[in-house]
Amino acid sequence: MGTGIGSLPLDQAPEQGPGGSDAARASGATRGAGPAGGRGVAPSDAGLKSGSGLGSDPEPSSGPGESATGLRRELGLFDCTMIVMGTIIGAGVFNTPSAIAAQMGSAAGVLGMWVLGGAIAMTGALVFAELGSIFTRAGGQYVFLREGFGRFTAFLFGWLLLTAINSGAIAYVANVFVDHLQALCAYAGRDPAWSSGERRGLALFGIVVLAALNMRGVRLGASFQNAAMLAKIAGILFIIVLGGLTALGVLEPRLLSDTPGIAAAPVSPSGVGWAGIGASLLGVVFTYGGFQNVTAVAGEVKDPARTVPRGILIGTLCVIGLYLAMNASLVGILGIDGVAATRTPAAAAAGRVVSWGEPLVAGLVMVSTLAITQALLFVTPRIYYAMALDGVFFRQAAWLHPRWRTPVVAIGLQACFGILHLFLGETLNLLQMTTIADFTFFVLCGTALFVFRRRGLGAPGVFRAPGYPWLPALFVLASAAVVVSAVFNAERVAVLRAGVMLSLGVLGYLLWSRPGRANARP
């Protein structure tokens, strides 16, 4: 970290200049000691209930292009859109279609399920677009939960995000990256017999490199994210183009029996029941998840009250379009039975049309896993940074590098927990617990929107979700249905792990949230 070690922490930064503080004081919205002896501006309960016009969460600046907490506002609409798309499109879209095809049994059923899942995703995108327009500081979901339900609920979200949800995801996708790197080497005629230790070493190296890149500056991290996302989009468009050319008769696919990775006999479901529909919808909803993550970096976005909601909506709509077109192409190339008969439908479809299609898709999945790992290391440390500023986490997590202006400690912490999951692997296996936790917090965030509306929040310029209250209510109900389904299907060991993690979280909250610990409010 070079000269960063030992420099001034955030709460000793130079005094902020004037601007915005008078308006904040007039609204009665100041709360918590801000950096440099000023007052950190954050929406208090009093300000929200009074409808004082704090809807856009105004924030004084500590310097040109900086927020009051010292983060640099360098991200624009394109960056936000790429972050949204990058955190939605992961490795799941390349294997989920086979399970959906096996359950639904028809092209209309498959595409209808992706349309329905996209509609549910849009209701969530509308909810988070409004929340992101109201609260324009770093922290995202943590801030929404804190203002809606208090610091304890918000802390538990951040705690589970760090110890289970995102760290487990980082470890998982890092392993997927190594799997496809090995597959690419095999396609090139060099099949490396990597040991489990070597595989973990490669995954660890990737996590460390991406963490260091994100520490180096928000602009560098965003540029890398944008490049990886554009490469991912190009790969998906390649599959879509192959499907279009096949439908037009320009390309002639090989027989299914001649395509590697596809069973010779077609696989057809015996019938579509409610259980199959529910399982398919659950898989689709998971594949559409991630649109909320960009709100965590709102403190580094230019004109966040406008840019964040636009990025969420544009990014989510683009992903829905890509998913629909890609699944139509897969069915068009392989047929519904062919999609159902392979665990890697994207690679199989490309390989059926062009001989070099499978290695290309293996490379595409590598780029996809790289992009999602980068996005998680880019976005979620801002939540731990916000927790530290709020006094419910250790203070060092709020430390910014004096030159790069990034929360290097928070980024390093997220990387370390990802590496911990990488090496513990099945010992933790928190997938079921994180599913329950993730969608529980979706329910709470959606409910928080109703709380803020009731408090009269709504200054000029704040995005208002259309279809209120019905569309937000649909998102809350859909998320609650996922929670109920996950609870009833969870194994006992998952419940025990959840109890342990929550108990540790309660102890952590009691340890960190002592009086006088709060820094500047995010």
Protein backbone atom coordinates (compact mmCIF):
# COMPACT_ATOMS: atom_id res chain seq x y z
CA MET A 1 0.00 0.00 0.00
CA GLY A 2 3.02 2.26 -0.21
CA THR A 3 2.72 5.57 1.56
CA GLY A 4 -0.81 4.87 2.72
CA ILE A 5 0.14 3.16 5.97
CA GLY A 6 0.24 5.55 8.86
CA SER A 7 -1.46 8.44 7.10
CA LEU A 8 -4.34 10.37 8.58
CA PRO A 9 -7.50 8.32 9.19
CA LEU A 10 -10.80 9.60 7.93
CA ASP A 11 -11.90 11.27 11.13
CA GLN A 12 -8.71 13.38 11.10
CA ALA A 13 -9.06 14.58 7.51
CA PRO A 14 -8.80 18.30 6.76
CA GLU A 15 -11.89 20.33 7.43
CA GLN A 16 -14.59 20.23 4.82
CA GLY A 17 -15.44 23.41 3.03
CA PRO A 18 -18.78 25.11 3.30
CA GLY A 19 -21.68 24.04 1.15
CA GLY A 20 -24.75 22.08 2.02
CA SER A 21 -24.34 22.28 5.79
CA ASP A 22 -26.72 25.21 6.21
CA ALA A 23 -29.44 23.42 4.31
CA ALA A 24 -28.83 20.31 6.36
CA ARG A 25 -29.06 22.20 9.63
CA ALA A 26 -32.21 23.93 8.46
CA SER A 27 -33.82 20.57 7.77
CA GLY A 28 -32.85 19.25 11.18
CA ALA A 29 -31.09 16.39 9.50
CA THR A 30 -27.59 16.47 10.91
CA ARG A 31 -26.55 13.61 13.08
CA GLY A 32 -23.23 12.17 14.18
CA ALA A 33 -19.81 13.72 14.18
CA GLY A 34 -18.64 14.32 10.66
CA PRO A 35 -15.10 14.41 9.39
CA ALA A 36 -12.85 17.22 10.43
CA GLY A 37 -14.97 18.65 13.16
CA GLY A 38 -17.92 19.27 10.84
CA ARG A 39 -21.24 17.51 11.01
CA GLY A 40 -21.94 14.46 8.87
CA VAL A 41 -25.20 14.89 7.00
CA ALA A 42 -27.49 11.90 7.04
CA PRO A 43 -31.27 11.59 7.11
CA SER A 44 -32.44 11.34 10.69
CA ASP A 45 -35.82 10.06 11.76
CA ALA A 46 -36.88 13.58 12.51
CA GLY A 47 -35.90 14.80 9.09
CA LEU A 48 -37.63 11.92 7.36
CA LYS A 49 -40.86 12.19 9.30
CA SER A 50 -41.12 15.89 8.80
CA GLY A 51 -40.88 15.64 5.03
CA SER A 52 -38.31 18.37 5.15
CA GLY A 53 -37.07 17.89 1.65
CA LEU A 54 -34.16 15.68 2.53
CA GLY A 55 -35.16 13.16 -0.10
CA SER A 56 -32.00 13.55 -2.12
CA ASP A 57 -29.77 13.19 0.98
CA PRO A 58 -27.67 16.30 0.24
CA GLU A 59 -24.03 16.01 1.07
CA PRO A 60 -21.38 18.66 1.60
CA SER A 61 -18.20 18.26 -0.37
CA SER A 62 -14.76 17.95 1.15
CA GLY A 63 -13.03 18.89 -2.08
CA PRO A 64 -13.44 18.92 -5.84
CA GLY A 65 -15.07 15.71 -6.95
CA GLU A 66 -15.20 14.32 -3.41
CA SER A 67 -18.04 13.45 -1.05
CA ALA A 68 -18.02 14.69 2.53
CA THR A 69 -16.46 11.44 3.69
CA GLY A 70 -13.53 11.77 1.27
CA LEU A 71 -14.57 9.28 -1.40
CA ARG A 72 -14.07 10.54 -4.94
CA ARG A 73 -17.16 10.95 -7.11
CA GLU A 74 -15.77 9.57 -10.36
CA LEU A 75 -18.45 7.13 -11.55
CA GLY A 76 -20.95 8.07 -14.25
CA LEU A 77 -24.03 6.46 -15.78
CA PHE A 78 -22.06 4.05 -17.95
CA ASP A 79 -20.04 2.86 -14.94
CA CYS A 80 -23.20 2.32 -12.88
CA THR A 81 -24.89 0.43 -15.70
CA MET A 82 -21.85 -1.84 -16.11
CA ILE A 83 -21.73 -2.50 -12.36
CA VAL A 84 -25.42 -3.45 -12.36
CA MET A 85 -25.00 -5.77 -15.33
CA GLY A 86 -21.74 -7.14 -13.96
CA THR A 87 -23.26 -8.08 -10.60
CA ILE A 88 -26.31 -9.70 -12.23
CA ILE A 89 -24.65 -11.69 -15.03
CA GLY A 90 -22.53 -14.34 -13.36
CA ALA A 91 -21.78 -17.96 -14.13
CA GLY A 92 -25.38 -19.04 -13.45
CA VAL A 93 -26.78 -17.87 -16.77
CA PHE A 94 -24.56 -20.40 -18.56
CA ASN A 95 -25.98 -23.46 -16.76
CA THR A 96 -29.39 -22.45 -15.34
CA PRO A 97 -31.14 -22.74 -18.76
CA SER A 98 -30.74 -26.53 -18.77
CA ALA A 99 -32.61 -26.94 -15.48
CA ILE A 100 -35.35 -24.57 -16.66
CA ALA A 101 -35.74 -26.47 -19.93
CA ALA A 102 -35.93 -29.82 -18.11
CA GLN A 103 -38.68 -28.51 -15.83
CA MET A 104 -40.78 -26.57 -18.35
CA GLY A 105 -40.50 -28.86 -21.38
CA SER A 106 -41.35 -26.33 -24.09
CA ALA A 107 -39.86 -23.23 -25.68
CA ALA A 108 -42.90 -21.18 -24.67
CA GLY A 109 -42.58 -22.37 -21.08
CA VAL A 110 -38.87 -21.59 -20.93
CA LEU A 111 -39.18 -18.09 -22.41
CA GLY A 112 -42.29 -17.40 -20.35
CA MET A 113 -40.38 -18.26 -17.18
CA TRP A 114 -37.54 -15.89 -18.10
CA VAL A 115 -40.09 -13.14 -18.86
CA LEU A 116 -41.80 -13.70 -15.49
CA GLY A 117 -38.46 -13.69 -13.67
CA GLY A 118 -37.48 -10.51 -15.50
CA ALA A 119 -40.74 -8.85 -14.46
CA ILE A 120 -40.07 -9.72 -10.81
CA ALA A 121 -36.51 -8.43 -11.17
CA MET A 122 -37.85 -5.13 -12.52
CA THR A 123 -40.09 -4.70 -9.48
CA GLY A 124 -36.98 -5.06 -7.33
CA ALA A 125 -35.01 -2.71 -9.57
CA LEU A 126 -37.74 -0.07 -9.15
CA VAL A 127 -37.60 -0.44 -5.37
CA PHE A 128 -33.82 -0.06 -5.21
CA ALA A 129 -33.85 2.73 -7.78
CA GLU A 130 -36.01 4.83 -5.45
CA LEU A 131 -34.02 3.87 -2.35
CA GLY A 132 -30.78 4.68 -4.17
CA SER A 133 -32.15 8.06 -5.20
CA ILE A 134 -33.10 8.91 -1.62
CA PHE A 135 -29.87 7.83 0.06
CA THR A 136 -26.85 8.89 -1.98
CA ARG A 137 -24.08 7.94 0.42
CA ALA A 138 -21.85 4.86 0.47
CA GLY A 139 -23.43 1.78 2.01
CA GLY A 140 -26.49 0.88 -0.07
CA GLN A 141 -28.61 -1.77 1.62
CA TYR A 142 -26.89 -1.16 4.96
CA VAL A 143 -28.04 2.47 4.91
CA PHE A 144 -31.58 1.56 3.82
CA LEU A 145 -31.91 -0.97 6.64
CA ARG A 146 -30.34 1.35 9.20
CA GLU A 147 -32.74 4.20 8.41
CA GLY A 148 -35.74 1.90 8.19
CA PHE A 149 -35.19 -0.56 11.04
CA GLY A 150 -32.23 0.61 13.11
CA ARG A 151 -28.53 -0.08 13.42
CA PHE A 152 -28.80 -3.65 14.75
CA THR A 153 -30.71 -4.95 11.72
CA ALA A 154 -28.36 -3.09 9.39
CA PHE A 155 -25.32 -4.49 11.19
CA LEU A 156 -26.58 -8.07 10.86
CA PHE A 157 -26.92 -7.51 7.12
CA GLY A 158 -23.34 -6.28 6.83
CA TRP A 159 -22.07 -9.04 9.10
CA LEU A 160 -23.70 -11.83 7.09
CA LEU A 161 -22.59 -10.18 3.86
CA LEU A 162 -18.97 -10.25 4.99
CA THR A 163 -18.88 -13.61 6.73
CA ALA A 164 -21.15 -15.61 4.44
CA ILE A 165 -23.02 -14.13 1.48
CA ASN A 166 -20.40 -12.29 -0.57
CA SER A 167 -17.33 -14.08 0.73
CA GLY A 168 -18.84 -17.43 -0.21
CA ALA A 169 -19.75 -16.08 -3.64
CA ILE A 170 -16.21 -14.79 -4.21
CA ALA A 171 -14.72 -18.17 -3.31
CA TYR A 172 -17.22 -20.02 -5.51
CA VAL A 173 -16.69 -17.95 -8.64
CA ALA A 174 -12.91 -17.99 -8.13
CA ASN A 175 -13.07 -21.79 -8.26
CA VAL A 176 -15.27 -21.65 -11.37
CA PHE A 177 -12.65 -19.40 -12.97
CA VAL A 178 -9.92 -22.00 -12.30
CA ASP A 179 -12.16 -24.80 -13.66
CA HIS A 180 -12.58 -23.02 -16.99
CA LEU A 181 -8.94 -21.97 -17.12
CA GLN A 182 -8.06 -25.66 -16.88
CA ALA A 183 -10.64 -26.46 -19.58
CA LEU A 184 -9.10 -23.85 -21.89
CA CYS A 185 -5.66 -25.36 -21.32
CA ALA A 186 -7.09 -28.77 -22.26
CA TYR A 187 -8.58 -27.34 -25.47
CA ALA A 188 -5.11 -25.97 -26.29
CA GLY A 189 -3.64 -29.46 -25.93
CA ARG A 190 -2.07 -28.83 -22.53
CA ASP A 191 -4.14 -30.50 -19.85
CA PRO A 192 -2.56 -29.44 -16.54
CA ALA A 193 -3.00 -31.95 -13.72
CA TRP A 194 -3.36 -29.33 -11.03
CA SER A 195 -3.59 -30.50 -7.46
CA SER A 196 -6.24 -29.09 -5.12
CA GLY A 197 -3.57 -26.93 -3.51
CA GLU A 198 -2.48 -25.52 -6.88
CA ARG A 199 -6.07 -24.80 -7.83
CA ARG A 200 -6.62 -22.93 -4.58
CA GLY A 201 -3.38 -21.07 -5.12
CA LEU A 202 -4.52 -19.86 -8.54
CA ALA A 203 -7.91 -18.80 -7.16
CA LEU A 204 -6.20 -17.01 -4.26
CA PHE A 205 -3.87 -15.21 -6.67
CA GLY A 206 -6.85 -13.98 -8.68
CA ILE A 207 -8.62 -12.64 -5.58
CA VAL A 208 -5.48 -10.86 -4.37
CA VAL A 209 -4.80 -9.26 -7.76
CA LEU A 210 -8.37 -7.97 -8.08
CA ALA A 211 -8.35 -6.67 -4.49
CA ALA A 212 -5.10 -4.79 -5.15
CA LEU A 213 -6.54 -3.35 -8.35
CA ASN A 214 -9.59 -2.03 -6.49
CA MET A 215 -7.41 -0.53 -3.78
CA ARG A 216 -5.45 1.40 -6.39
CA GLY A 217 -8.36 3.71 -7.23
CA VAL A 218 -12.07 3.78 -7.95
CA ARG A 219 -11.49 4.83 -11.56
CA LEU A 220 -9.10 1.95 -12.22
CA GLY A 221 -11.46 -0.56 -10.62
CA ALA A 222 -14.42 0.77 -12.58
CA SER A 223 -12.48 0.75 -15.87
CA PHE A 224 -11.48 -2.88 -15.37
CA GLN A 225 -15.08 -3.74 -14.49
CA ASN A 226 -16.32 -1.97 -17.63
CA ALA A 227 -13.85 -3.79 -19.88
CA ALA A 228 -14.68 -7.20 -18.40
CA MET A 229 -18.40 -6.50 -18.69
CA LEU A 230 -18.15 -5.43 -22.32
CA ALA A 231 -16.23 -8.64 -23.10
CA LYS A 232 -18.95 -10.63 -21.35
CA ILE A 233 -21.70 -8.87 -23.31
CA ALA A 234 -19.80 -9.51 -26.55
CA GLY A 235 -19.65 -13.22 -25.76
CA ILE A 236 -23.37 -13.44 -25.00
CA LEU A 237 -24.13 -11.53 -28.19
CA PHE A 238 -22.00 -14.07 -30.06
CA ILE A 239 -24.30 -16.87 -28.90
CA ILE A 240 -27.34 -14.75 -29.79
CA VAL A 241 -25.95 -14.12 -33.29
CA LEU A 242 -25.32 -17.85 -33.76
CA GLY A 243 -28.94 -18.49 -32.86
CA GLY A 244 -30.14 -15.87 -35.30
CA LEU A 245 -27.99 -17.21 -38.14
CA THR A 246 -29.21 -20.73 -37.40
CA ALA A 247 -32.84 -19.60 -37.47
CA LEU A 248 -32.23 -17.89 -40.84
CA GLY A 249 -30.63 -21.04 -42.25
CA VAL A 250 -27.23 -19.42 -42.77
CA LEU A 251 -25.57 -21.91 -40.40
CA GLU A 252 -26.38 -25.63 -40.17
CA PRO A 253 -25.92 -27.14 -36.70
CA ARG A 254 -24.46 -30.60 -36.28
CA LEU A 255 -26.66 -33.46 -35.03
CA LEU A 256 -27.18 -33.57 -31.28
CA SER A 257 -25.60 -37.01 -31.17
CA ASP A 258 -22.42 -35.54 -32.69
CA THR A 259 -22.23 -32.69 -30.18
CA PRO A 260 -20.00 -33.30 -27.12
CA GLY A 261 -21.70 -32.95 -23.73
CA ILE A 262 -25.23 -33.76 -24.94
CA ALA A 263 -26.96 -37.07 -24.30
CA ALA A 264 -27.77 -39.09 -27.39
CA ALA A 265 -31.35 -39.64 -26.28
CA PRO A 266 -33.57 -36.59 -25.80
CA VAL A 267 -34.59 -35.72 -22.28
CA SER A 268 -38.22 -34.69 -21.80
CA PRO A 269 -40.03 -33.93 -18.58
CA SER A 270 -43.01 -36.11 -17.75
CA GLY A 271 -45.15 -33.05 -17.11
CA VAL A 272 -45.06 -29.55 -15.77
CA GLY A 273 -46.39 -29.26 -12.24
CA TRP A 274 -46.50 -26.48 -9.68
CA ALA A 275 -43.35 -27.84 -8.03
CA GLY A 276 -41.48 -27.65 -11.33
CA ILE A 277 -42.75 -24.15 -12.03
CA GLY A 278 -41.72 -23.03 -8.55
CA ALA A 279 -38.26 -24.55 -8.87
CA SER A 280 -37.79 -22.98 -12.30
CA LEU A 281 -38.89 -19.56 -11.11
CA LEU A 282 -36.57 -19.78 -8.12
CA GLY A 283 -33.62 -20.52 -10.40
CA VAL A 284 -34.52 -17.68 -12.74
CA VAL A 285 -34.97 -15.19 -9.88
CA PHE A 286 -31.54 -16.12 -8.52
CA THR A 287 -30.00 -15.60 -11.96
CA TYR A 288 -31.52 -12.11 -12.15
CA GLY A 289 -30.23 -11.09 -8.70
CA GLY A 290 -27.61 -8.36 -8.17
CA PHE A 291 -29.28 -5.15 -9.37
CA GLN A 292 -29.15 -3.74 -5.82
CA ASN A 293 -25.36 -3.81 -5.43
CA VAL A 294 -24.55 -0.55 -7.22
CA THR A 295 -26.26 1.44 -4.43
CA ALA A 296 -23.30 0.61 -2.18
CA VAL A 297 -20.99 2.84 -4.28
CA ALA A 298 -23.38 5.81 -4.42
CA GLY A 299 -20.81 7.85 -2.50
CA GLU A 300 -18.51 7.67 -5.54
CA VAL A 301 -21.15 8.42 -8.19
CA LYS A 302 -21.59 11.81 -9.86
CA ASP A 303 -25.10 13.22 -9.32
CA PRO A 304 -26.14 9.97 -7.57
CA ALA A 305 -29.80 10.90 -7.05
CA ARG A 306 -30.24 10.72 -10.84
CA THR A 307 -27.42 8.45 -11.96
CA VAL A 308 -27.92 5.50 -9.58
CA PRO A 309 -31.61 4.84 -10.37
CA ARG A 310 -31.01 5.27 -14.09
CA GLY A 311 -28.09 2.83 -13.95
CA ILE A 312 -30.19 0.28 -12.05
CA LEU A 313 -33.12 0.43 -14.47
CA ILE A 314 -31.07 0.54 -17.69
CA GLY A 315 -28.76 -2.24 -16.51
CA THR A 316 -31.62 -4.51 -15.42
CA LEU A 317 -33.55 -3.97 -18.66
CA CYS A 318 -30.44 -4.75 -20.72
CA VAL A 319 -29.86 -7.97 -18.77
CA ILE A 320 -33.48 -9.05 -19.27
CA GLY A 321 -33.10 -8.48 -23.01
CA LEU A 322 -29.82 -10.43 -23.14
CA TYR A 323 -31.22 -13.33 -21.12
CA LEU A 324 -34.33 -13.65 -23.28
CA ALA A 325 -32.39 -13.49 -26.53
CA MET A 326 -29.76 -15.93 -25.29
CA ASN A 327 -32.31 -18.51 -24.14
CA ALA A 328 -34.22 -18.18 -27.42
CA SER A 329 -30.94 -18.87 -29.25
CA LEU A 330 -30.14 -21.89 -27.09
CA VAL A 331 -33.55 -23.42 -27.76
CA GLY A 332 -33.27 -22.54 -31.45
CA ILE A 333 -29.90 -24.26 -31.81
CA LEU A 334 -30.28 -27.26 -29.49
CA GLY A 335 -34.03 -27.66 -29.20
CA ILE A 336 -35.73 -27.92 -25.83
CA ASP A 337 -34.51 -31.51 -25.32
CA GLY A 338 -30.96 -30.59 -26.22
CA VAL A 339 -30.88 -27.71 -23.73
CA ALA A 340 -32.28 -29.99 -21.02
CA ALA A 341 -29.76 -32.74 -21.76
CA THR A 342 -26.57 -30.79 -21.08
CA ARG A 343 -25.22 -29.05 -17.99
CA THR A 344 -23.42 -26.50 -20.18
CA PRO A 345 -26.00 -25.40 -22.77
CA ALA A 346 -24.16 -22.25 -23.90
CA ALA A 347 -20.96 -24.16 -24.65
CA ALA A 348 -22.90 -27.01 -26.28
CA ALA A 349 -24.87 -24.62 -28.50
CA ALA A 350 -21.76 -22.79 -29.66
CA GLY A 351 -19.95 -26.09 -30.22
CA ARG A 352 -22.82 -27.43 -32.29
CA VAL A 353 -22.63 -24.53 -34.72
CA VAL A 354 -18.88 -23.79 -34.91
CA SER A 355 -16.02 -26.11 -33.99
CA TRP A 356 -14.27 -23.52 -31.85
CA GLY A 357 -17.45 -22.51 -30.03
CA GLU A 358 -16.89 -24.48 -26.84
CA PRO A 359 -13.43 -23.08 -25.99
CA LEU A 360 -14.76 -19.61 -26.78
CA VAL A 361 -17.62 -20.07 -24.30
CA ALA A 362 -15.19 -21.47 -21.73
CA GLY A 363 -13.27 -18.22 -22.12
CA LEU A 364 -16.54 -16.30 -21.84
CA VAL A 365 -17.35 -17.98 -18.53
CA MET A 366 -13.84 -17.13 -17.32
CA VAL A 367 -14.44 -13.48 -18.16
CA SER A 368 -17.83 -13.66 -16.48
CA THR A 369 -16.41 -15.06 -13.24
CA LEU A 370 -13.60 -12.51 -13.35
CA ALA A 371 -16.12 -9.70 -13.76
CA ILE A 372 -18.41 -10.84 -10.94
CA THR A 373 -15.44 -11.30 -8.56
CA GLN A 374 -14.20 -7.85 -9.49
CA ALA A 375 -17.66 -6.36 -8.96
CA LEU A 376 -18.05 -7.93 -5.51
CA LEU A 377 -14.61 -6.70 -4.40
CA PHE A 378 -15.43 -3.28 -5.85
CA VAL A 379 -18.90 -2.81 -4.35
CA THR A 380 -19.29 -4.56 -1.01
CA PRO A 381 -16.30 -3.09 0.87
CA ARG A 382 -18.15 0.25 0.76
CA ILE A 383 -20.76 -1.34 3.02
CA TYR A 384 -18.18 -2.26 5.67
CA TYR A 385 -16.75 1.22 5.27
CA ALA A 386 -20.21 2.67 6.00
CA MET A 387 -20.57 0.39 9.03
CA ALA A 388 -17.26 1.62 10.43
CA LEU A 389 -18.29 5.25 9.92
CA ASP A 390 -21.51 4.45 11.75
CA GLY A 391 -19.63 3.07 14.76
CA VAL A 392 -20.85 -0.54 14.50
CA PHE A 393 -17.63 -1.98 13.08
CA PHE A 394 -13.95 -1.53 13.85
CA ARG A 395 -12.74 1.95 12.96
CA GLN A 396 -9.90 0.88 10.66
CA ALA A 397 -12.43 -0.30 8.06
CA ALA A 398 -13.27 3.39 7.44
CA TRP A 399 -9.65 4.28 6.65
CA LEU A 400 -9.10 5.76 3.18
CA HIS A 401 -5.82 5.72 1.33
CA PRO A 402 -4.63 9.37 1.29
CA ARG A 403 -3.89 9.37 -2.43
CA TRP A 404 -6.14 6.70 -3.94
CA ARG A 405 -9.14 7.63 -1.72
CA THR A 406 -10.34 4.04 -1.54
CA PRO A 407 -11.28 2.04 1.60
CA VAL A 408 -8.23 -0.21 1.37
CA VAL A 409 -8.77 -1.91 4.75
CA ALA A 410 -12.38 -2.78 3.91
CA ILE A 411 -11.33 -4.12 0.49
CA GLY A 412 -8.56 -6.20 2.07
CA LEU A 413 -10.99 -7.52 4.68
CA GLN A 414 -13.44 -8.68 2.01
CA ALA A 415 -10.62 -10.38 0.12
CA CYS A 416 -9.42 -12.15 3.27
CA PHE A 417 -12.87 -13.54 4.04
CA GLY A 418 -13.21 -14.69 0.43
CA ILE A 419 -9.89 -16.53 0.77
CA LEU A 420 -11.06 -18.03 4.08
CA HIS A 421 -14.10 -19.48 2.32
CA LEU A 422 -11.83 -20.66 -0.49
CA PHE A 423 -9.77 -22.80 1.88
CA LEU A 424 -12.52 -23.94 4.25
CA GLY A 425 -14.82 -24.87 1.36
CA GLU A 426 -17.33 -27.53 2.36
CA THR A 427 -16.55 -26.97 6.04
CA LEU A 428 -18.61 -23.76 5.87
CA ASN A 429 -21.03 -24.53 3.01
CA LEU A 430 -23.30 -21.60 3.85
CA LEU A 431 -25.30 -21.59 0.61
CA GLN A 432 -28.69 -22.40 2.13
CA MET A 433 -28.18 -19.97 5.00
CA THR A 434 -27.10 -17.17 2.69
CA THR A 435 -30.12 -17.74 0.45
CA ILE A 436 -32.43 -17.25 3.40
CA ALA A 437 -30.49 -14.22 4.67
CA ASP A 438 -30.17 -12.56 1.27
CA PHE A 439 -33.87 -12.68 0.46
CA THR A 440 -34.87 -11.78 4.02
CA PHE A 441 -32.97 -8.53 3.60
CA PHE A 442 -34.70 -8.05 0.23
CA VAL A 443 -38.00 -8.26 2.09
CA LEU A 444 -36.81 -5.72 4.66
CA CYS A 445 -35.46 -3.29 2.04
CA GLY A 446 -38.72 -3.48 0.10
CA THR A 447 -40.66 -2.89 3.29
CA ALA A 448 -38.38 0.05 4.13
CA LEU A 449 -39.62 1.80 1.00
CA PHE A 450 -43.14 1.79 2.47
CA VAL A 451 -41.71 3.14 5.74
CA PHE A 452 -39.98 6.02 3.98
CA ARG A 453 -43.05 6.86 1.92
CA ARG A 454 -45.12 6.95 5.10
CA ARG A 455 -42.61 9.34 6.62
CA GLY A 456 -43.22 11.74 3.77
CA LEU A 457 -39.85 11.34 2.09
CA GLY A 458 -39.86 12.89 -1.35
CA ALA A 459 -37.79 15.93 -2.26
CA PRO A 460 -37.72 17.30 -5.83
CA GLY A 461 -35.46 15.20 -8.04
CA VAL A 462 -35.94 11.93 -6.16
CA PHE A 463 -36.91 9.00 -8.37
CA ARG A 464 -40.35 7.64 -7.51
CA ALA A 465 -41.05 3.98 -8.29
CA PRO A 466 -44.07 3.74 -10.61
CA GLY A 467 -46.81 1.31 -9.70
CA TYR A 468 -46.52 2.05 -5.98
CA PRO A 469 -47.69 0.35 -3.82
CA TRP A 470 -48.52 -2.69 -5.97
CA LEU A 471 -45.21 -3.33 -7.74
CA PRO A 472 -43.05 -2.89 -4.59
CA ALA A 473 -45.52 -5.13 -2.75
CA LEU A 474 -45.10 -7.78 -5.45
CA PHE A 475 -41.33 -7.67 -4.97
CA VAL A 476 -41.70 -8.05 -1.20
CA LEU A 477 -44.11 -10.98 -1.59
CA ALA A 478 -41.91 -12.73 -4.18
CA SER A 479 -38.85 -12.34 -1.95
CA ALA A 480 -40.81 -13.61 1.06
CA ALA A 481 -41.90 -16.66 -0.97
CA VAL A 482 -38.24 -17.46 -1.68
CA VAL A 483 -37.46 -17.18 2.05
CA VAL A 484 -40.31 -19.53 3.00
CA SER A 485 -39.33 -22.03 0.33
CA ALA A 486 -35.67 -21.94 1.39
CA VAL A 487 -36.55 -22.38 5.09
CA PHE A 488 -38.75 -25.42 4.45
CA ASN A 489 -36.10 -27.03 2.24
CA ALA A 490 -33.08 -26.20 4.38
CA GLU A 491 -31.10 -28.97 6.04
CA ARG A 492 -30.73 -28.98 9.81
CA VAL A 493 -26.98 -28.33 9.56
CA ALA A 494 -27.75 -25.15 7.61
CA VAL A 495 -30.02 -23.96 10.43
CA LEU A 496 -27.26 -24.69 12.97
CA ARG A 497 -24.71 -22.76 10.92
CA ALA A 498 -27.14 -19.88 10.67
CA GLY A 499 -27.56 -19.88 14.45
CA VAL A 500 -23.81 -19.80 14.98
CA MET A 501 -23.27 -16.97 12.49
CA LEU A 502 -26.11 -14.89 13.94
CA SER A 503 -24.82 -15.45 17.49
CA LEU A 504 -21.38 -14.26 16.47
CA GLY A 505 -23.02 -11.27 14.81
CA VAL A 506 -24.84 -10.33 18.03
CA LEU A 507 -21.56 -10.55 19.96
CA GLY A 508 -19.85 -8.42 17.32
CA TYR A 509 -22.55 -5.79 17.52
CA LEU A 510 -22.25 -5.61 21.32
CA LEU A 511 -18.48 -5.30 20.98
CA TRP A 512 -18.38 -2.62 18.27
CA SER A 513 -21.49 -0.50 18.86
CA ARG A 514 -20.43 1.19 22.06
CA PRO A 515 -21.25 4.85 22.76
CA GLY A 516 -18.88 7.36 21.21
CA ARG A 517 -17.62 5.05 18.47
CA ALA A 518 -19.48 6.65 15.55
CA ASN A 519 -17.43 8.57 12.99
CA ALA A 520 -18.96 10.46 10.05
CA ARG A 521 -22.30 9.00 9.04
CA PRO A 522 -22.26 7.55 5.49
